[in-house]
Amino acid sequence: MKWFKQSAYNPMRPISPDNQFNYIGNIPEDPQTPEDAYMWAEELNHGRYPEGEELIATDAHFAYLYAVYILKGRFFAGEDKISEEPNWSYFYAENVVQARWPEGERAISKDPRFSYWYARDVVGGRWEEGEQAIYSSGIKALIEDYNRFIGKK
């Protein structure tokens, strides 16, 4: 893909085509987007960036990345935004909270794939809240995998 640029920590970080600068040597001094604030923390601070946390917390993707790679733990300020997205809620529960995360379960339960993965990887068993999404998805392989996982024939 043409819009991948190297980063010191992630050589394959996707950079959006409308982003007008290269992060390696040209991070804005006053970050105006969640992405800029996250990159400030990652590339310049090499750690926590309290001044940018409010901005980072407005984007589920960058809030998740900030929790995983910068804080290496929960990012409470970003949890409301993360909990709105099934994918970031699942990843946050699995990789950051490392347990069930009720705040994100409503979003997760609306997506059949993340519902199955959440049941398998986080809950460790049947997860009734996600079953409607799984069974109504019409994805035969997913339904079969879930049924096998919970021991249903």
N, C-alpha and C. Protein backbone atom coordinates (compact mmCIF):
# COMPACT_ATOMS: atom_id res chain seq x y z
N MET A 1 0.85 -1.17 0.00
CA MET A 1 0.00 0.00 0.00
C MET A 1 0.89 1.24 0.00
N LYS A 2 0.52 2.21 -0.74
CA LYS A 2 1.38 3.36 -0.90
C LYS A 2 1.43 4.27 0.31
N TRP A 3 0.48 4.18 1.26
CA TRP A 3 0.53 5.11 2.37
C TRP A 3 1.06 4.49 3.65
N PHE A 4 1.96 3.56 3.54
CA PHE A 4 2.68 3.07 4.70
C PHE A 4 4.02 3.77 4.76
N LYS A 5 4.32 4.36 5.89
CA LYS A 5 5.61 5.01 6.09
C LYS A 5 6.25 4.40 7.33
N GLN A 6 7.54 4.40 7.35
CA GLN A 6 8.22 3.82 8.49
C GLN A 6 8.09 4.67 9.73
N SER A 7 8.05 4.01 10.83
CA SER A 7 8.09 4.63 12.14
C SER A 7 9.24 3.96 12.88
N ALA A 8 9.84 4.65 13.79
CA ALA A 8 10.95 4.07 14.53
C ALA A 8 10.54 2.81 15.27
N TYR A 9 9.27 2.74 15.70
CA TYR A 9 8.82 1.59 16.47
C TYR A 9 7.95 0.62 15.69
N ASN A 10 7.41 1.06 14.60
CA ASN A 10 6.55 0.19 13.82
C ASN A 10 6.77 0.50 12.35
N PRO A 11 7.59 -0.29 11.66
CA PRO A 11 7.91 0.01 10.28
C PRO A 11 6.73 -0.09 9.32
N MET A 12 5.61 -0.65 9.75
CA MET A 12 4.46 -0.79 8.87
C MET A 12 3.24 -0.05 9.39
N ARG A 13 3.43 1.05 10.12
CA ARG A 13 2.31 1.82 10.64
C ARG A 13 1.54 2.46 9.49
N PRO A 14 0.22 2.24 9.39
CA PRO A 14 -0.54 2.87 8.33
C PRO A 14 -0.70 4.37 8.58
N ILE A 15 -0.38 5.16 7.60
CA ILE A 15 -0.53 6.60 7.67
C ILE A 15 -1.59 6.99 6.64
N SER A 16 -2.60 7.70 7.06
CA SER A 16 -3.69 8.04 6.15
C SER A 16 -3.20 8.94 5.02
N PRO A 17 -3.78 8.81 3.83
CA PRO A 17 -3.32 9.59 2.68
C PRO A 17 -3.49 11.09 2.86
N ASP A 18 -4.44 11.52 3.70
CA ASP A 18 -4.63 12.96 3.89
C ASP A 18 -3.68 13.54 4.94
N ASN A 19 -2.91 12.69 5.57
CA ASN A 19 -1.95 13.17 6.55
C ASN A 19 -0.76 13.76 5.80
N GLN A 20 -0.40 14.99 6.08
CA GLN A 20 0.55 15.71 5.26
C GLN A 20 1.98 15.71 5.78
N PHE A 21 2.27 14.93 6.80
CA PHE A 21 3.65 14.95 7.27
C PHE A 21 4.15 13.55 7.55
N ASN A 22 5.45 13.41 7.53
CA ASN A 22 6.12 12.16 7.83
C ASN A 22 6.52 12.19 9.30
N TYR A 23 6.11 11.19 10.05
CA TYR A 23 6.33 11.20 11.49
C TYR A 23 7.79 11.12 11.91
N ILE A 24 8.65 10.62 11.06
CA ILE A 24 10.03 10.42 11.50
C ILE A 24 10.68 11.73 11.89
N GLY A 25 10.51 12.80 11.14
CA GLY A 25 11.19 14.02 11.48
C GLY A 25 10.33 15.26 11.50
N ASN A 26 9.02 15.11 11.40
CA ASN A 26 8.20 16.30 11.25
C ASN A 26 6.88 16.19 12.02
N ILE A 27 6.94 15.91 13.29
CA ILE A 27 5.74 15.85 14.12
C ILE A 27 5.40 17.29 14.52
N PRO A 28 4.13 17.69 14.36
CA PRO A 28 3.78 19.07 14.70
C PRO A 28 4.04 19.38 16.17
N GLU A 29 4.44 20.59 16.46
CA GLU A 29 4.75 20.98 17.83
C GLU A 29 3.50 21.04 18.70
N ASP A 30 2.36 21.32 18.09
CA ASP A 30 1.11 21.42 18.82
C ASP A 30 0.11 20.45 18.20
N PRO A 31 0.10 19.19 18.63
CA PRO A 31 -0.78 18.19 18.03
C PRO A 31 -2.25 18.61 18.07
N GLN A 32 -2.92 18.42 16.92
CA GLN A 32 -4.32 18.81 16.80
C GLN A 32 -5.25 17.62 16.58
N THR A 33 -4.70 16.43 16.36
CA THR A 33 -5.51 15.24 16.14
C THR A 33 -5.08 14.15 17.11
N PRO A 34 -5.95 13.17 17.36
CA PRO A 34 -5.56 12.06 18.22
C PRO A 34 -4.32 11.33 17.69
N GLU A 35 -4.25 11.18 16.39
CA GLU A 35 -3.11 10.52 15.77
C GLU A 35 -1.82 11.29 16.03
N ASP A 36 -1.85 12.60 15.88
CA ASP A 36 -0.67 13.43 16.14
C ASP A 36 -0.24 13.33 17.60
N ALA A 37 -1.22 13.38 18.51
CA ALA A 37 -0.90 13.31 19.94
C ALA A 37 -0.31 11.95 20.29
N TYR A 38 -0.87 10.89 19.72
CA TYR A 38 -0.31 9.56 19.97
C TYR A 38 1.12 9.47 19.45
N MET A 39 1.34 9.97 18.24
CA MET A 39 2.68 9.91 17.67
C MET A 39 3.66 10.76 18.47
N TRP A 40 3.18 11.86 19.05
CA TRP A 40 4.03 12.67 19.92
C TRP A 40 4.50 11.81 21.09
N ALA A 41 3.56 11.08 21.70
CA ALA A 41 3.90 10.22 22.83
C ALA A 41 4.88 9.12 22.42
N GLU A 42 4.62 8.52 21.27
CA GLU A 42 5.44 7.40 20.83
C GLU A 42 6.82 7.84 20.33
N GLU A 43 6.86 8.82 19.46
CA GLU A 43 8.11 9.17 18.79
C GLU A 43 8.96 10.18 19.53
N LEU A 44 8.32 11.12 20.23
CA LEU A 44 9.10 12.18 20.89
C LEU A 44 9.27 11.95 22.39
N ASN A 45 8.18 11.65 23.06
CA ASN A 45 8.28 11.42 24.51
C ASN A 45 8.81 10.04 24.84
N HIS A 46 8.58 9.10 23.97
CA HIS A 46 8.90 7.70 24.24
C HIS A 46 8.25 7.26 25.55
N GLY A 47 7.06 7.76 25.76
CA GLY A 47 6.33 7.43 26.97
C GLY A 47 5.10 8.29 27.11
N ARG A 48 4.57 8.32 28.30
CA ARG A 48 3.33 9.04 28.58
C ARG A 48 3.40 10.50 28.14
N TYR A 49 2.26 10.97 27.63
CA TYR A 49 2.15 12.35 27.16
C TYR A 49 0.88 12.94 27.76
N PRO A 50 0.91 13.35 29.03
CA PRO A 50 -0.30 13.82 29.72
C PRO A 50 -1.02 14.96 29.01
N GLU A 51 -0.26 15.86 28.37
CA GLU A 51 -0.87 17.00 27.70
C GLU A 51 -1.74 16.57 26.51
N GLY A 52 -1.48 15.40 25.95
CA GLY A 52 -2.23 14.93 24.79
C GLY A 52 -3.27 13.88 25.08
N GLU A 53 -3.39 13.46 26.33
CA GLU A 53 -4.29 12.35 26.66
C GLU A 53 -5.75 12.68 26.40
N GLU A 54 -6.16 13.90 26.64
CA GLU A 54 -7.55 14.27 26.38
C GLU A 54 -7.87 14.13 24.89
N LEU A 55 -6.94 14.52 24.05
CA LEU A 55 -7.12 14.41 22.60
C LEU A 55 -7.06 12.94 22.16
N ILE A 56 -6.13 12.19 22.67
CA ILE A 56 -6.01 10.77 22.33
C ILE A 56 -7.28 10.02 22.71
N ALA A 57 -7.88 10.40 23.84
CA ALA A 57 -9.08 9.73 24.34
C ALA A 57 -10.30 9.91 23.45
N THR A 58 -10.22 10.77 22.46
CA THR A 58 -11.37 10.99 21.56
C THR A 58 -11.41 10.02 20.40
N ASP A 59 -10.43 9.14 20.28
CA ASP A 59 -10.37 8.20 19.16
C ASP A 59 -10.09 6.80 19.71
N ALA A 60 -10.99 5.86 19.44
CA ALA A 60 -10.86 4.51 20.00
C ALA A 60 -9.57 3.83 19.57
N HIS A 61 -9.20 3.96 18.32
CA HIS A 61 -7.99 3.31 17.81
C HIS A 61 -6.75 3.81 18.54
N PHE A 62 -6.58 5.12 18.60
CA PHE A 62 -5.38 5.67 19.23
C PHE A 62 -5.43 5.54 20.75
N ALA A 63 -6.61 5.54 21.34
CA ALA A 63 -6.73 5.29 22.77
C ALA A 63 -6.26 3.87 23.09
N TYR A 64 -6.66 2.91 22.26
CA TYR A 64 -6.20 1.53 22.44
C TYR A 64 -4.69 1.43 22.29
N LEU A 65 -4.15 2.02 21.23
CA LEU A 65 -2.70 1.97 21.01
C LEU A 65 -1.95 2.62 22.17
N TYR A 66 -2.46 3.73 22.67
CA TYR A 66 -1.84 4.43 23.79
C TYR A 66 -1.81 3.53 25.03
N ALA A 67 -2.91 2.83 25.28
CA ALA A 67 -2.95 1.92 26.43
C ALA A 67 -1.93 0.79 26.28
N VAL A 68 -1.87 0.21 25.09
CA VAL A 68 -1.01 -0.95 24.88
C VAL A 68 0.46 -0.57 24.84
N TYR A 69 0.81 0.40 24.00
CA TYR A 69 2.22 0.65 23.71
C TYR A 69 2.85 1.75 24.56
N ILE A 70 2.05 2.66 25.08
CA ILE A 70 2.62 3.76 25.87
C ILE A 70 2.43 3.48 27.36
N LEU A 71 1.20 3.30 27.79
CA LEU A 71 0.93 3.08 29.21
C LEU A 71 1.21 1.65 29.66
N LYS A 72 1.08 0.74 28.72
CA LYS A 72 1.22 -0.69 29.03
C LYS A 72 0.26 -1.09 30.17
N GLY A 73 -0.94 -0.51 30.05
CA GLY A 73 -1.99 -0.76 31.03
C GLY A 73 -3.23 0.02 30.65
N ARG A 74 -4.20 0.04 31.53
CA ARG A 74 -5.47 0.69 31.22
C ARG A 74 -5.31 2.19 31.01
N PHE A 75 -6.09 2.69 30.07
CA PHE A 75 -6.17 4.12 29.78
C PHE A 75 -7.60 4.54 30.08
N PHE A 76 -7.87 4.86 31.32
CA PHE A 76 -9.23 5.12 31.78
C PHE A 76 -9.89 6.27 31.02
N ALA A 77 -9.12 7.29 30.67
CA ALA A 77 -9.69 8.44 29.96
C ALA A 77 -10.22 8.05 28.58
N GLY A 78 -9.68 7.00 27.98
CA GLY A 78 -10.09 6.58 26.64
C GLY A 78 -11.10 5.45 26.61
N GLU A 79 -11.46 4.92 27.77
CA GLU A 79 -12.32 3.74 27.80
C GLU A 79 -13.72 3.99 27.27
N ASP A 80 -14.27 5.18 27.47
CA ASP A 80 -15.61 5.45 26.93
C ASP A 80 -15.61 5.32 25.41
N LYS A 81 -14.61 5.89 24.76
CA LYS A 81 -14.53 5.84 23.30
C LYS A 81 -14.23 4.42 22.82
N ILE A 82 -13.31 3.75 23.49
CA ILE A 82 -12.98 2.36 23.12
C ILE A 82 -14.22 1.48 23.22
N SER A 83 -15.03 1.68 24.25
CA SER A 83 -16.20 0.82 24.47
C SER A 83 -17.28 0.99 23.41
N GLU A 84 -17.16 1.96 22.53
CA GLU A 84 -18.14 2.16 21.45
C GLU A 84 -17.87 1.28 20.24
N GLU A 85 -16.68 0.73 20.14
CA GLU A 85 -16.26 -0.02 18.96
C GLU A 85 -16.06 -1.50 19.31
N PRO A 86 -16.69 -2.42 18.57
CA PRO A 86 -16.53 -3.84 18.90
C PRO A 86 -15.09 -4.34 18.78
N ASN A 87 -14.39 -3.92 17.75
CA ASN A 87 -13.03 -4.42 17.57
C ASN A 87 -12.10 -3.93 18.66
N TRP A 88 -12.11 -2.62 18.95
CA TRP A 88 -11.20 -2.09 19.97
C TRP A 88 -11.61 -2.55 21.36
N SER A 89 -12.91 -2.75 21.59
CA SER A 89 -13.36 -3.29 22.88
C SER A 89 -12.82 -4.69 23.09
N TYR A 90 -12.92 -5.52 22.06
CA TYR A 90 -12.39 -6.88 22.16
C TYR A 90 -10.89 -6.86 22.42
N PHE A 91 -10.15 -6.11 21.60
CA PHE A 91 -8.69 -6.08 21.76
C PHE A 91 -8.30 -5.51 23.12
N TYR A 92 -9.02 -4.50 23.59
CA TYR A 92 -8.73 -3.90 24.89
C TYR A 92 -8.97 -4.91 26.01
N ALA A 93 -10.09 -5.62 25.95
CA ALA A 93 -10.38 -6.64 26.96
C ALA A 93 -9.32 -7.73 26.96
N GLU A 94 -8.97 -8.20 25.77
CA GLU A 94 -8.01 -9.30 25.68
C GLU A 94 -6.59 -8.89 26.05
N ASN A 95 -6.14 -7.75 25.55
CA ASN A 95 -4.73 -7.39 25.67
C ASN A 95 -4.40 -6.42 26.80
N VAL A 96 -5.36 -5.65 27.25
CA VAL A 96 -5.08 -4.67 28.29
C VAL A 96 -5.71 -5.10 29.61
N VAL A 97 -7.03 -5.25 29.64
CA VAL A 97 -7.72 -5.65 30.86
C VAL A 97 -7.39 -7.11 31.20
N GLN A 98 -7.26 -7.91 30.18
CA GLN A 98 -6.97 -9.34 30.30
C GLN A 98 -8.01 -10.07 31.14
N ALA A 99 -9.25 -9.65 30.93
CA ALA A 99 -10.39 -10.25 31.61
C ALA A 99 -11.65 -9.70 30.94
N ARG A 100 -12.79 -10.18 31.37
CA ARG A 100 -14.03 -9.61 30.85
C ARG A 100 -14.04 -8.13 31.13
N TRP A 101 -14.57 -7.40 30.16
CA TRP A 101 -14.65 -5.95 30.29
C TRP A 101 -16.08 -5.54 29.99
N PRO A 102 -16.93 -5.45 31.02
CA PRO A 102 -18.35 -5.17 30.82
C PRO A 102 -18.63 -3.89 30.04
N GLU A 103 -17.78 -2.89 30.17
CA GLU A 103 -18.00 -1.62 29.48
C GLU A 103 -18.02 -1.78 27.96
N GLY A 104 -17.31 -2.75 27.42
CA GLY A 104 -17.25 -2.95 25.99
C GLY A 104 -18.13 -4.07 25.46
N GLU A 105 -18.78 -4.79 26.35
CA GLU A 105 -19.53 -5.97 25.92
C GLU A 105 -20.73 -5.64 25.04
N ARG A 106 -21.36 -4.51 25.26
CA ARG A 106 -22.52 -4.16 24.42
C ARG A 106 -22.10 -4.01 22.96
N ALA A 107 -20.99 -3.32 22.73
CA ALA A 107 -20.49 -3.14 21.35
C ALA A 107 -20.03 -4.47 20.77
N ILE A 108 -19.30 -5.24 21.55
CA ILE A 108 -18.80 -6.53 21.07
C ILE A 108 -19.96 -7.44 20.68
N SER A 109 -21.01 -7.44 21.47
CA SER A 109 -22.15 -8.35 21.23
C SER A 109 -22.88 -8.07 19.93
N LYS A 110 -22.60 -6.95 19.27
CA LYS A 110 -23.26 -6.62 18.00
C LYS A 110 -22.50 -7.14 16.79
N ASP A 111 -21.30 -7.65 17.01
CA ASP A 111 -20.47 -8.14 15.90
C ASP A 111 -20.25 -9.64 16.06
N PRO A 112 -20.63 -10.44 15.06
CA PRO A 112 -20.54 -11.89 15.21
C PRO A 112 -19.11 -12.41 15.42
N ARG A 113 -18.16 -11.91 14.68
CA ARG A 113 -16.79 -12.41 14.82
C ARG A 113 -16.18 -12.04 16.17
N PHE A 114 -16.34 -10.78 16.54
CA PHE A 114 -15.77 -10.36 17.83
C PHE A 114 -16.51 -11.00 18.99
N SER A 115 -17.80 -11.31 18.81
CA SER A 115 -18.54 -12.03 19.86
C SER A 115 -17.95 -13.42 20.06
N TYR A 116 -17.68 -14.11 18.98
CA TYR A 116 -17.08 -15.45 19.09
C TYR A 116 -15.69 -15.37 19.71
N TRP A 117 -14.87 -14.45 19.21
CA TRP A 117 -13.50 -14.34 19.73
C TRP A 117 -13.50 -13.94 21.20
N TYR A 118 -14.44 -13.06 21.58
CA TYR A 118 -14.54 -12.65 22.97
C TYR A 118 -14.92 -13.85 23.85
N ALA A 119 -15.89 -14.64 23.39
CA ALA A 119 -16.27 -15.84 24.13
C ALA A 119 -15.09 -16.80 24.26
N ARG A 120 -14.38 -17.01 23.17
CA ARG A 120 -13.27 -17.95 23.15
C ARG A 120 -12.05 -17.45 23.93
N ASP A 121 -11.65 -16.19 23.68
CA ASP A 121 -10.37 -15.71 24.19
C ASP A 121 -10.45 -14.98 25.53
N VAL A 122 -11.61 -14.43 25.85
CA VAL A 122 -11.72 -13.65 27.09
C VAL A 122 -12.61 -14.35 28.10
N VAL A 123 -13.83 -14.68 27.69
CA VAL A 123 -14.77 -15.33 28.61
C VAL A 123 -14.32 -16.75 28.90
N GLY A 124 -13.84 -17.43 27.88
CA GLY A 124 -13.38 -18.81 28.07
C GLY A 124 -14.51 -19.82 28.06
N GLY A 125 -15.64 -19.44 27.51
CA GLY A 125 -16.79 -20.33 27.44
C GLY A 125 -17.94 -19.65 26.74
N ARG A 126 -19.11 -20.23 26.89
CA ARG A 126 -20.29 -19.69 26.24
C ARG A 126 -20.52 -18.24 26.68
N TRP A 127 -20.85 -17.41 25.69
CA TRP A 127 -21.17 -16.01 25.99
C TRP A 127 -22.51 -15.69 25.34
N GLU A 128 -23.57 -15.82 26.12
CA GLU A 128 -24.92 -15.69 25.61
C GLU A 128 -25.21 -14.32 25.01
N GLU A 129 -24.58 -13.28 25.55
CA GLU A 129 -24.84 -11.92 25.06
C GLU A 129 -24.47 -11.76 23.59
N GLY A 130 -23.52 -12.54 23.10
CA GLY A 130 -23.08 -12.42 21.71
C GLY A 130 -23.70 -13.43 20.77
N GLU A 131 -24.48 -14.34 21.31
CA GLU A 131 -25.01 -15.42 20.48
C GLU A 131 -25.98 -14.95 19.40
N GLN A 132 -26.77 -13.95 19.66
CA GLN A 132 -27.69 -13.47 18.64
C GLN A 132 -26.92 -12.99 17.40
N ALA A 133 -25.86 -12.25 17.62
CA ALA A 133 -25.05 -11.77 16.49
C ALA A 133 -24.41 -12.94 15.76
N ILE A 134 -23.93 -13.91 16.51
CA ILE A 134 -23.26 -15.07 15.89
C ILE A 134 -24.27 -15.86 15.05
N TYR A 135 -25.39 -16.24 15.66
CA TYR A 135 -26.35 -17.11 14.96
C TYR A 135 -27.11 -16.40 13.84
N SER A 136 -27.30 -15.11 13.95
CA SER A 136 -28.01 -14.41 12.89
C SER A 136 -27.08 -13.92 11.78
N SER A 137 -25.79 -14.18 11.92
CA SER A 137 -24.83 -13.70 10.92
C SER A 137 -24.92 -14.46 9.61
N GLY A 138 -25.34 -15.71 9.68
CA GLY A 138 -25.36 -16.53 8.47
C GLY A 138 -23.98 -17.01 8.04
N ILE A 139 -22.98 -16.78 8.85
CA ILE A 139 -21.62 -17.22 8.53
C ILE A 139 -21.45 -18.64 9.05
N LYS A 140 -21.62 -19.60 8.16
CA LYS A 140 -21.68 -21.01 8.55
C LYS A 140 -20.43 -21.44 9.33
N ALA A 141 -19.26 -21.10 8.85
CA ALA A 141 -18.03 -21.52 9.52
C ALA A 141 -17.94 -20.93 10.93
N LEU A 142 -18.36 -19.70 11.08
CA LEU A 142 -18.32 -19.05 12.39
C LEU A 142 -19.29 -19.73 13.35
N ILE A 143 -20.49 -20.01 12.88
CA ILE A 143 -21.50 -20.68 13.70
C ILE A 143 -21.02 -22.07 14.10
N GLU A 144 -20.44 -22.79 13.15
CA GLU A 144 -19.92 -24.12 13.46
C GLU A 144 -18.77 -24.05 14.47
N ASP A 145 -17.88 -23.10 14.29
CA ASP A 145 -16.76 -22.94 15.24
C ASP A 145 -17.28 -22.62 16.64
N TYR A 146 -18.24 -21.71 16.73
CA TYR A 146 -18.80 -21.36 18.04
C TYR A 146 -19.48 -22.57 18.67
N ASN A 147 -20.30 -23.27 17.89
CA ASN A 147 -20.99 -24.44 18.42
C ASN A 147 -20.01 -25.50 18.91
N ARG A 148 -18.95 -25.73 18.15
CA ARG A 148 -17.91 -26.67 18.55
C ARG A 148 -17.24 -26.20 19.85
N PHE A 149 -16.97 -24.90 19.92
CA PHE A 149 -16.32 -24.34 21.09
C PHE A 149 -17.15 -24.52 22.36
N ILE A 150 -18.47 -24.32 22.25
CA ILE A 150 -19.31 -24.44 23.45
C ILE A 150 -19.84 -25.87 23.64
N GLY A 151 -19.45 -26.77 22.75
CA GLY A 151 -19.85 -28.16 22.89
C GLY A 151 -21.28 -28.44 22.44
N LYS A 152 -21.81 -27.62 21.58
CA LYS A 152 -23.18 -27.79 21.06
C LYS A 152 -23.11 -28.54 19.75
N LYS A 153 -23.96 -29.53 19.60
CA LYS A 153 -23.97 -30.33 18.37
C LYS A 153 -25.02 -29.86 17.42
